Amino acid sequence: MKLPLLPELVSFIDSLPEPHILCDRQYRVLAANAAYRRSFGENQVFAGRTCFDISHHFSVPCDQAGETCPVRQSLLSGQRERVLHLHQTPQGEAYVNIELSPIRDGGGNIAYFIEKMEPVAVARGLSNAQGLVGRAPTFQHMLEMVARVAPSEATVLLLGESGTGKELVAKAIHDASRRVEKPFVALDCSGLTETLFESELFGHERGAFTGATSRRVGLIEAASGGTLFLDEVGDIPLSMQVKLLRLLETGTYRRVGSAEPHKADIRLVSATHRNLREMVKSGGFRQDLYFRLNTFPVELPALRERSADIPLLAESLLARVAPDRNLTISGEALNLLRRYDYPGNVRELRNIIERASLLCDGEAIQPAHLPEEVRSGHISREIPTDKSASLEELERQTLETRLAHHRGSRKLLAEELGISERTLYRRLKKLEK
């Protein structure tokens, strides 16, 4: 038998500084605290509505609409659950960390849930001029890993092809950490000689080597209290890898030309496009250093693995490279962008968009403004045409395009497509497979 709503629970969540709601087993919101109302709409009525209606404008629970449902997970596990969701807010869709805690009655049965929401400020689901952009499943999984590790002090290793945005993700980890008020310092390890690498990282004393006319602060010292990002760690010379390992093991370092140890206060995030495990086997990378760096690996998806995000990324990148122009991308140009393979990933897409914006004198980027390799030739993902495509392939193509450009609720999208919400959810779930 369900307990009556306890005013003590309502009073408890209202005292909390982060957005919280209290809901029951039927997904009904019973109370929302002041922080939640400030974040998700002062003038909205929350009590009595379902959490999935408020958060997603769904008419069915999240797990029936292709999303992960923390309430359902908690009912199955009987424990606290944590998920990353794309929520509707007054400012548009935004990623939110959800932590759901079950509340039990006198008989030990789950009666209520307290749900805490923490906005993930470094990423948005819709096109945004700043931060990480995307809503594809592979992107969401990567972002969830970032959200989980960022508040900790764990060493993070970012893995992915060149151009996937590893420095941007490293900055996102820093921005979501307790070190956010301190420096974020990056070093590209590729192409550095042993002497230069050691000097850049640890600093040097005057006269330590030819040309060292003054004492120099290293990047470890410059990043003190904050985050040091080492890009392309697979390129670090073997002789320097042992010194980096010593830094991680002892938390101390010495400037070049000095015997005095200094305490390092940094959080290390590293990245590589190389297969470090294979390098360890071939003797090109120290195994002990690999294990130190690989405490929490995060895989960054290639752009071809999240092609549904290309329209969002293109729009966001266009706002970044041409902020003072009201440019758009024509449908024909967008179709070509979606078909291209992007061996250079997001970095290559940015270059393509920037070049096209410079060539465009009108209001919309056209196919003629795109590089020849995009317009013809190097195409790996053929988008079906009316002549050769099956009905199922055309449906998938249409749904991907409409979903990428849609800015309203799923209910409105269903109405635009002339189908029911339930049918839309079913097709969206099928699209993710």
Protein backbone atom coordinates (compact mmCIF):
# COMPACT_ATOMS: atom_id res chain seq x y z
CA MET A 1 0.00 0.00 0.00
CA LYS A 2 1.37 3.37 -1.01
CA LEU A 3 2.18 5.91 1.67
CA PRO A 4 0.63 9.38 1.57
CA LEU A 5 2.93 12.09 0.30
CA LEU A 6 5.18 13.19 3.14
CA PRO A 7 5.58 16.98 3.50
CA GLU A 8 9.04 16.28 4.90
CA LEU A 9 10.13 14.97 1.47
CA VAL A 10 8.81 18.07 -0.26
CA SER A 11 10.53 20.30 2.29
CA PHE A 12 13.76 18.33 1.87
CA ILE A 13 14.03 18.71 -1.92
CA ASP A 14 13.05 22.39 -1.71
CA SER A 15 16.09 23.03 0.49
CA LEU A 16 18.49 21.62 -2.11
CA PRO A 17 20.40 24.01 -4.39
CA GLU A 18 20.29 21.73 -7.47
CA PRO A 19 17.12 21.05 -9.51
CA HIS A 20 15.15 18.17 -7.92
CA ILE A 21 11.74 16.63 -8.40
CA LEU A 22 9.76 14.08 -6.40
CA CYS A 23 7.81 11.51 -8.41
CA ASP A 24 5.95 8.25 -7.84
CA ARG A 25 6.10 4.82 -9.47
CA GLN A 26 3.63 5.94 -12.13
CA TYR A 27 6.06 8.65 -13.36
CA ARG A 28 3.87 11.43 -11.90
CA VAL A 29 5.70 14.48 -10.59
CA LEU A 30 4.50 15.25 -7.08
CA ALA A 31 6.71 18.26 -6.35
CA ALA A 32 9.47 20.34 -7.95
CA ASN A 33 11.87 22.46 -5.94
CA ALA A 34 12.67 26.13 -6.56
CA ALA A 35 15.92 25.33 -8.39
CA TYR A 36 14.05 23.05 -10.81
CA ARG A 37 11.41 25.71 -11.49
CA ARG A 38 14.11 28.29 -12.18
CA SER A 39 15.86 25.96 -14.60
CA PHE A 40 12.89 24.50 -16.44
CA GLY A 41 10.25 27.24 -16.35
CA GLU A 42 9.01 29.46 -13.52
CA ASN A 43 5.51 29.73 -14.99
CA GLN A 44 5.02 26.04 -15.77
CA VAL A 45 2.89 23.65 -13.75
CA PHE A 46 4.86 20.50 -12.94
CA ALA A 47 2.90 18.73 -10.20
CA GLY A 48 0.53 16.12 -11.61
CA ARG A 49 2.31 15.82 -14.97
CA THR A 50 4.51 12.89 -15.94
CA CYS A 51 8.28 13.27 -15.93
CA PHE A 52 8.51 12.09 -19.55
CA ASP A 53 6.02 14.75 -20.67
CA ILE A 54 7.94 17.52 -18.90
CA SER A 55 11.40 16.39 -19.96
CA HIS A 56 10.81 15.16 -23.51
CA HIS A 57 7.21 16.03 -24.45
CA PHE A 58 6.66 12.27 -24.78
CA SER A 59 3.23 10.70 -24.31
CA VAL A 60 4.75 7.39 -23.18
CA PRO A 61 7.58 6.53 -20.72
CA CYS A 62 11.12 7.01 -22.00
CA ASP A 63 11.86 3.30 -22.37
CA GLN A 64 8.88 3.00 -24.74
CA ALA A 65 10.21 5.89 -26.84
CA GLY A 66 13.73 4.60 -27.44
CA GLU A 67 15.33 6.32 -24.44
CA THR A 68 16.85 4.98 -21.24
CA CYS A 69 14.36 5.35 -18.39
CA PRO A 70 15.90 5.80 -14.92
CA VAL A 71 12.59 5.06 -13.17
CA ARG A 72 12.26 1.75 -14.99
CA GLN A 73 15.91 0.91 -14.30
CA SER A 74 15.54 1.72 -10.60
CA LEU A 75 12.38 -0.39 -10.30
CA LEU A 76 14.31 -3.32 -11.80
CA SER A 77 17.54 -2.86 -9.85
CA GLY A 78 16.11 -1.43 -6.63
CA GLN A 79 19.06 0.96 -6.55
CA ARG A 80 20.03 4.50 -7.43
CA GLU A 81 20.39 5.03 -11.18
CA ARG A 82 22.20 7.62 -13.26
CA VAL A 83 21.63 8.44 -16.94
CA LEU A 84 22.26 11.20 -19.46
CA HIS A 85 19.16 12.63 -21.13
CA LEU A 86 18.35 15.27 -23.73
CA HIS A 87 15.75 17.48 -22.03
CA GLN A 88 13.39 20.18 -23.21
CA THR A 89 14.22 23.49 -21.53
CA PRO A 90 13.02 27.09 -22.08
CA GLN A 91 16.28 27.62 -24.03
CA GLY A 92 15.75 24.54 -26.22
CA GLU A 93 17.03 20.98 -25.92
CA ALA A 94 19.96 20.47 -23.55
CA TYR A 95 21.82 17.52 -22.08
CA VAL A 96 21.12 16.82 -18.42
CA ASN A 97 22.69 14.37 -15.97
CA ILE A 98 19.96 12.57 -14.03
CA GLU A 99 20.53 10.86 -10.69
CA LEU A 100 17.47 8.99 -9.44
CA SER A 101 17.22 7.72 -5.85
CA PRO A 102 14.40 5.38 -4.72
CA ILE A 103 12.49 6.10 -1.50
CA ARG A 104 11.04 3.03 0.27
CA ASP A 105 7.99 2.68 2.48
CA GLY A 106 7.81 0.85 5.83
CA GLY A 107 7.47 -2.47 4.04
CA GLY A 108 10.68 -1.95 2.05
CA ASN A 109 8.88 -1.30 -1.25
CA ILE A 110 9.78 1.60 -3.53
CA ALA A 111 7.10 4.28 -3.11
CA TYR A 112 8.75 7.45 -4.48
CA PHE A 113 11.79 8.67 -6.38
CA ILE A 114 13.88 11.78 -5.85
CA GLU A 115 15.39 12.88 -9.15
CA LYS A 116 18.31 15.28 -9.34
CA MET A 117 19.09 17.15 -12.57
CA GLU A 118 22.51 18.60 -13.42
CA PRO A 119 22.79 20.44 -16.75
CA VAL A 120 25.76 19.40 -18.89
CA ALA A 121 26.74 22.88 -19.96
CA VAL A 122 29.45 21.79 -22.40
CA ALA A 123 27.11 20.11 -24.88
CA ARG A 124 23.76 20.67 -26.51
CA GLY A 125 21.56 18.43 -28.57
CA LEU A 126 20.71 21.07 -31.11
CA SER A 127 23.04 23.24 -33.14
CA ASN A 128 24.94 25.58 -30.89
CA ALA A 129 27.74 28.03 -31.57
CA GLN A 130 29.78 26.80 -28.61
CA GLY A 131 30.61 23.47 -27.01
CA LEU A 132 30.06 19.90 -28.15
CA VAL A 133 27.22 19.34 -30.60
CA GLY A 134 25.35 16.15 -31.38
CA ARG A 135 22.54 13.78 -30.59
CA ALA A 136 23.58 10.52 -32.32
CA PRO A 137 23.72 7.47 -30.02
CA THR A 138 27.52 7.16 -30.35
CA PHE A 139 27.91 10.84 -29.43
CA GLN A 140 25.57 10.48 -26.45
CA HIS A 141 27.51 7.48 -25.17
CA MET A 142 30.78 9.41 -25.41
CA LEU A 143 29.21 12.39 -23.64
CA GLU A 144 27.90 10.16 -20.86
CA MET A 145 31.43 8.87 -20.26
CA VAL A 146 32.71 12.46 -20.16
CA ALA A 147 29.99 13.45 -17.68
CA ARG A 148 30.85 10.53 -15.42
CA VAL A 149 34.61 11.04 -15.30
CA ALA A 150 34.79 14.85 -15.33
CA PRO A 151 34.01 15.47 -11.62
CA SER A 152 36.70 12.99 -10.53
CA GLU A 153 40.47 13.32 -10.51
CA ALA A 154 40.96 10.23 -12.69
CA THR A 155 43.49 10.30 -15.54
CA VAL A 156 41.61 10.20 -18.86
CA LEU A 157 42.79 8.83 -22.21
CA LEU A 158 40.85 10.08 -25.25
CA LEU A 159 40.97 7.67 -28.19
CA GLY A 160 39.88 8.46 -31.72
CA GLU A 161 40.88 9.39 -35.22
CA SER A 162 42.49 12.72 -36.02
CA GLY A 163 39.99 15.53 -36.26
CA THR A 164 37.35 14.06 -33.95
CA GLY A 165 37.64 16.93 -31.46
CA LYS A 166 39.83 15.45 -28.73
CA GLU A 167 41.01 18.83 -27.42
CA LEU A 168 37.43 20.09 -27.30
CA VAL A 169 36.43 17.02 -25.27
CA ALA A 170 39.44 17.50 -22.99
CA LYS A 171 38.34 21.10 -22.40
CA ALA A 172 34.81 19.84 -21.69
CA ILE A 173 36.21 17.50 -19.03
CA HIS A 174 38.10 20.43 -17.48
CA ASP A 175 35.04 22.70 -17.60
CA ALA A 176 32.92 20.10 -15.80
CA SER A 177 35.55 19.39 -13.13
CA ARG A 178 36.36 20.96 -9.77
CA ARG A 179 39.41 22.52 -11.45
CA VAL A 180 37.38 24.70 -13.81
CA GLU A 181 38.57 27.97 -12.23
CA LYS A 182 42.22 27.00 -12.81
CA PRO A 183 44.17 26.87 -16.13
CA PHE A 184 43.60 24.43 -18.97
CA VAL A 185 46.96 23.95 -20.72
CA ALA A 186 47.48 21.89 -23.87
CA LEU A 187 50.64 20.45 -25.42
CA ASP A 188 50.81 18.74 -28.83
CA CYS A 189 53.46 16.04 -28.39
CA SER A 190 53.84 15.25 -32.09
CA GLY A 191 57.07 16.42 -33.70
CA LEU A 192 58.77 17.45 -30.44
CA THR A 193 62.39 16.45 -29.92
CA GLU A 194 63.40 14.92 -26.59
CA THR A 195 65.04 18.13 -25.38
CA LEU A 196 62.15 20.33 -26.46
CA PHE A 197 59.55 18.00 -24.95
CA GLU A 198 61.32 17.93 -21.58
CA SER A 199 61.78 21.70 -21.57
CA GLU A 200 58.16 22.38 -22.57
CA LEU A 201 56.75 20.04 -19.95
CA PHE A 202 59.08 20.56 -16.98
CA GLY A 203 60.62 23.96 -17.69
CA HIS A 204 64.33 24.73 -17.45
CA GLU A 205 66.85 26.74 -15.50
CA ARG A 206 69.07 29.39 -16.99
CA GLY A 207 72.11 27.78 -18.62
CA ALA A 208 70.59 24.31 -18.63
CA PHE A 209 71.48 23.98 -22.32
CA THR A 210 72.69 26.12 -25.20
CA GLY A 211 70.22 28.93 -25.76
CA ALA A 212 68.67 28.74 -22.27
CA THR A 213 69.38 32.37 -21.43
CA SER A 214 66.74 32.60 -18.74
CA ARG A 215 64.70 30.40 -16.42
CA ARG A 216 61.49 29.12 -18.01
CA VAL A 217 58.31 27.86 -16.38
CA GLY A 218 57.12 24.51 -17.79
CA LEU A 219 53.56 23.62 -18.69
CA ILE A 220 53.14 21.50 -15.56
CA GLU A 221 53.76 24.58 -13.46
CA ALA A 222 51.64 26.75 -15.78
CA ALA A 223 48.73 24.32 -15.37
CA SER A 224 49.06 24.18 -11.57
CA GLY A 225 45.69 23.54 -9.97
CA GLY A 226 44.11 22.88 -13.36
CA THR A 227 44.25 20.41 -16.24
CA LEU A 228 47.18 19.47 -18.46
CA PHE A 229 46.17 18.05 -21.84
CA LEU A 230 48.80 16.04 -23.71
CA ASP A 231 47.71 15.49 -27.30
CA GLU A 232 49.22 12.67 -29.36
CA VAL A 233 50.94 10.95 -26.43
CA GLY A 234 51.81 8.08 -28.77
CA ASP A 235 54.48 10.36 -30.28
CA ILE A 236 56.36 10.91 -27.00
CA PRO A 237 59.93 9.59 -27.31
CA LEU A 238 60.63 6.44 -25.28
CA SER A 239 63.35 8.20 -23.29
CA MET A 240 60.80 10.82 -22.20
CA GLN A 241 58.05 8.33 -21.42
CA VAL A 242 59.90 7.23 -18.28
CA LYS A 243 60.00 10.84 -17.03
CA LEU A 244 56.28 11.25 -17.64
CA LEU A 245 55.69 7.98 -15.79
CA ARG A 246 57.74 9.23 -12.84
CA LEU A 247 55.62 12.39 -12.75
CA LEU A 248 52.42 10.33 -12.59
CA GLU A 249 53.79 7.93 -9.96
CA THR A 250 55.42 10.44 -7.61
CA GLY A 251 53.50 13.63 -8.36
CA THR A 252 56.83 15.49 -8.58
CA TYR A 253 59.11 16.79 -11.33
CA ARG A 254 62.41 18.62 -11.82
CA ARG A 255 63.14 21.46 -14.18
CA VAL A 256 65.86 20.77 -16.74
CA GLY A 257 69.14 21.77 -15.17
CA SER A 258 67.84 21.60 -11.59
CA ALA A 259 68.03 18.93 -8.89
CA GLU A 260 65.24 20.47 -6.83
CA PRO A 261 61.95 18.53 -6.93
CA HIS A 262 58.66 20.38 -7.33
CA LYS A 263 55.19 19.17 -6.45
CA ALA A 264 52.80 18.86 -9.40
CA ASP A 265 49.15 19.76 -8.88
CA ILE A 266 47.51 18.82 -12.18
CA ARG A 267 44.79 16.60 -13.58
CA LEU A 268 46.14 14.82 -16.68
CA VAL A 269 44.05 14.23 -19.79
CA SER A 270 45.85 12.68 -22.77
CA ALA A 271 44.83 11.74 -26.29
CA THR A 272 46.04 9.76 -29.27
CA HIS A 273 44.92 8.49 -32.64
CA ARG A 274 47.40 5.62 -32.40
CA ASN A 275 46.74 2.10 -31.12
CA LEU A 276 48.78 2.26 -27.93
CA ARG A 277 48.08 -1.37 -27.08
CA GLU A 278 49.74 -2.47 -30.33
CA MET A 279 52.60 -0.02 -29.71
CA VAL A 280 53.16 -1.65 -26.30
CA LYS A 281 53.38 -5.07 -27.99
CA SER A 282 55.90 -3.78 -30.54
CA GLY A 283 57.98 -1.98 -27.93
CA GLY A 284 57.13 1.53 -29.10
CA PHE A 285 55.32 2.51 -25.92
CA ARG A 286 55.95 1.66 -22.27
CA GLN A 287 53.40 -0.74 -20.81
CA ASP A 288 53.54 0.80 -17.34
CA LEU A 289 52.90 4.28 -18.76
CA TYR A 290 50.05 2.92 -20.88
CA PHE A 291 48.32 1.54 -17.79
CA ARG A 292 48.80 4.85 -15.99
CA LEU A 293 47.30 6.87 -18.84
CA ASN A 294 44.52 4.39 -19.57
CA THR A 295 42.74 4.71 -16.20
CA PHE A 296 39.54 5.90 -17.88
CA PRO A 297 39.54 5.56 -21.69
CA VAL A 298 36.92 7.46 -23.71
CA GLU A 299 36.30 6.58 -27.36
CA LEU A 300 35.48 9.51 -29.66
CA PRO A 301 33.35 8.42 -32.63
CA ALA A 302 34.43 9.20 -36.16
CA LEU A 303 32.11 11.52 -38.06
CA ARG A 304 31.05 8.68 -40.38
CA GLU A 305 29.78 6.87 -37.26
CA ARG A 306 27.49 9.78 -36.38
CA SER A 307 26.40 10.96 -39.83
CA ALA A 308 22.97 11.97 -38.51
CA ASP A 309 24.76 14.78 -36.65
CA ILE A 310 26.23 16.32 -39.82
CA PRO A 311 23.35 18.83 -40.31
CA LEU A 312 23.66 19.97 -36.68
CA LEU A 313 27.42 20.21 -36.87
CA ALA A 314 27.35 22.04 -40.18
CA GLU A 315 24.92 24.62 -38.80
CA SER A 316 26.96 25.06 -35.63
CA LEU A 317 30.26 25.34 -37.50
CA LEU A 318 28.75 27.86 -39.91
CA ALA A 319 27.79 30.04 -36.93
CA ARG A 320 31.38 29.82 -35.67
CA VAL A 321 33.21 30.57 -38.92
CA ALA A 322 30.78 33.23 -40.18
CA PRO A 323 29.20 34.71 -37.03
CA ASP A 324 28.27 38.04 -38.62
CA ARG A 325 26.49 36.56 -41.65
CA ASN A 326 23.01 35.08 -41.74
CA LEU A 327 24.07 32.16 -43.93
CA THR A 328 22.21 28.90 -44.42
CA ILE A 329 23.04 25.65 -46.23
CA SER A 330 20.84 24.58 -49.13
CA GLY A 331 19.23 21.15 -49.12
CA GLU A 332 21.29 20.05 -52.12
CA ALA A 333 24.54 21.08 -50.44
CA LEU A 334 23.48 19.40 -47.20
CA ASN A 335 22.78 16.13 -49.01
CA LEU A 336 26.30 16.19 -50.46
CA LEU A 337 27.77 16.92 -47.03
CA ARG A 338 25.88 13.96 -45.57
CA ARG A 339 27.23 11.59 -48.22
CA TYR A 340 30.90 12.47 -47.85
CA ASP A 341 33.21 10.14 -45.90
CA TYR A 342 35.23 12.77 -43.92
CA PRO A 343 38.61 11.11 -43.44
CA GLY A 344 39.52 14.28 -41.51
CA ASN A 345 36.35 14.07 -39.39
CA VAL A 346 34.90 17.22 -37.76
CA ARG A 347 38.04 19.23 -38.45
CA GLU A 348 37.61 18.55 -42.16
CA LEU A 349 33.92 19.47 -42.02
CA ARG A 350 34.84 22.76 -40.39
CA ASN A 351 37.37 23.52 -43.14
CA ILE A 352 34.78 22.69 -45.80
CA ILE A 353 32.18 24.96 -44.18
CA GLU A 354 34.63 27.82 -43.74
CA ARG A 355 35.78 27.60 -47.37
CA ALA A 356 32.19 27.46 -48.60
CA SER A 357 31.23 30.51 -46.53
CA LEU A 358 34.07 32.50 -48.10
CA LEU A 359 33.00 31.48 -51.61
CA CYS A 360 29.32 32.18 -51.00
CA ASP A 361 28.12 35.70 -51.90
CA GLY A 362 24.44 34.93 -51.40
CA GLU A 363 22.38 33.80 -48.44
CA ALA A 364 22.73 30.03 -48.83
CA ILE A 365 25.70 27.75 -49.43
CA GLN A 366 25.18 25.80 -52.67
CA PRO A 367 26.84 22.65 -54.08
CA ALA A 368 29.11 24.83 -56.23
CA HIS A 369 30.68 26.25 -53.05
CA LEU A 370 31.77 22.80 -51.86
CA PRO A 371 35.11 21.14 -52.75
CA GLU A 372 35.17 18.83 -55.74
CA GLU A 373 35.80 15.74 -53.59
CA VAL A 374 32.54 16.45 -51.74
CA ARG A 375 30.55 17.14 -54.90
CA SER A 376 31.71 13.98 -56.62
CA GLY A 377 34.05 11.11 -56.15
CA HIS A 378 34.95 10.14 -52.60
CA ILE A 379 31.52 9.09 -51.38
CA SER A 380 31.21 6.19 -49.01
CA ARG A 381 27.62 6.39 -47.78
CA GLU A 382 25.35 6.41 -50.78
CA ILE A 383 22.04 8.07 -50.03
CA PRO A 384 19.35 6.18 -51.98
CA THR A 385 17.65 7.88 -54.91
CA ASP A 386 14.04 7.55 -55.99
CA LYS A 387 15.06 5.26 -58.85
CA SER A 388 16.95 2.64 -56.89
CA ALA A 389 15.87 2.93 -53.23
CA SER A 390 13.43 0.67 -51.48
CA LEU A 391 10.51 2.22 -49.66
CA GLU A 392 12.14 1.36 -46.32
CA GLU A 393 15.40 3.09 -47.33
CA LEU A 394 13.57 6.22 -48.47
CA GLU A 395 11.61 6.29 -45.22
CA ARG A 396 14.82 6.05 -43.20
CA GLN A 397 16.44 8.84 -45.23
CA THR A 398 13.42 11.12 -44.86
CA LEU A 399 13.15 10.51 -41.12
CA GLU A 400 16.88 11.19 -40.54
CA THR A 401 16.65 14.48 -42.45
CA ARG A 402 13.46 15.67 -40.73
CA LEU A 403 14.75 14.68 -37.31
CA ALA A 404 18.03 16.55 -37.83
CA HIS A 405 16.25 19.79 -38.77
CA HIS A 406 13.27 19.59 -36.43
CA ARG A 407 13.26 22.06 -33.52
CA GLY A 408 9.97 21.23 -31.79
CA SER A 409 8.62 18.31 -29.78
CA ARG A 410 8.25 14.74 -30.98
CA LYS A 411 4.49 15.29 -30.95
CA LEU A 412 4.80 18.14 -33.47
CA LEU A 413 7.18 16.10 -35.62
CA ALA A 414 4.68 13.24 -35.70
CA GLU A 415 1.95 15.65 -36.78
CA GLU A 416 4.18 17.05 -39.55
CA LEU A 417 4.89 13.54 -40.80
CA GLY A 418 1.23 12.56 -40.61
CA ILE A 419 1.80 9.63 -38.23
CA SER A 420 0.97 8.92 -34.60
CA GLU A 421 3.45 9.55 -31.80
CA ARG A 422 3.62 5.83 -31.05
CA THR A 423 4.46 5.08 -34.69
CA LEU A 424 7.15 7.80 -34.62
CA TYR A 425 8.72 6.35 -31.46
CA ARG A 426 8.72 2.88 -33.01
CA ARG A 427 10.43 4.14 -36.16
CA LEU A 428 12.96 6.18 -34.19
CA LYS A 429 13.86 3.10 -32.17
CA LYS A 430 14.27 1.12 -35.39
CA LEU A 431 16.44 3.92 -36.82
CA GLU A 432 18.93 3.56 -33.95
CA LYS A 433 19.59 -0.15 -34.68
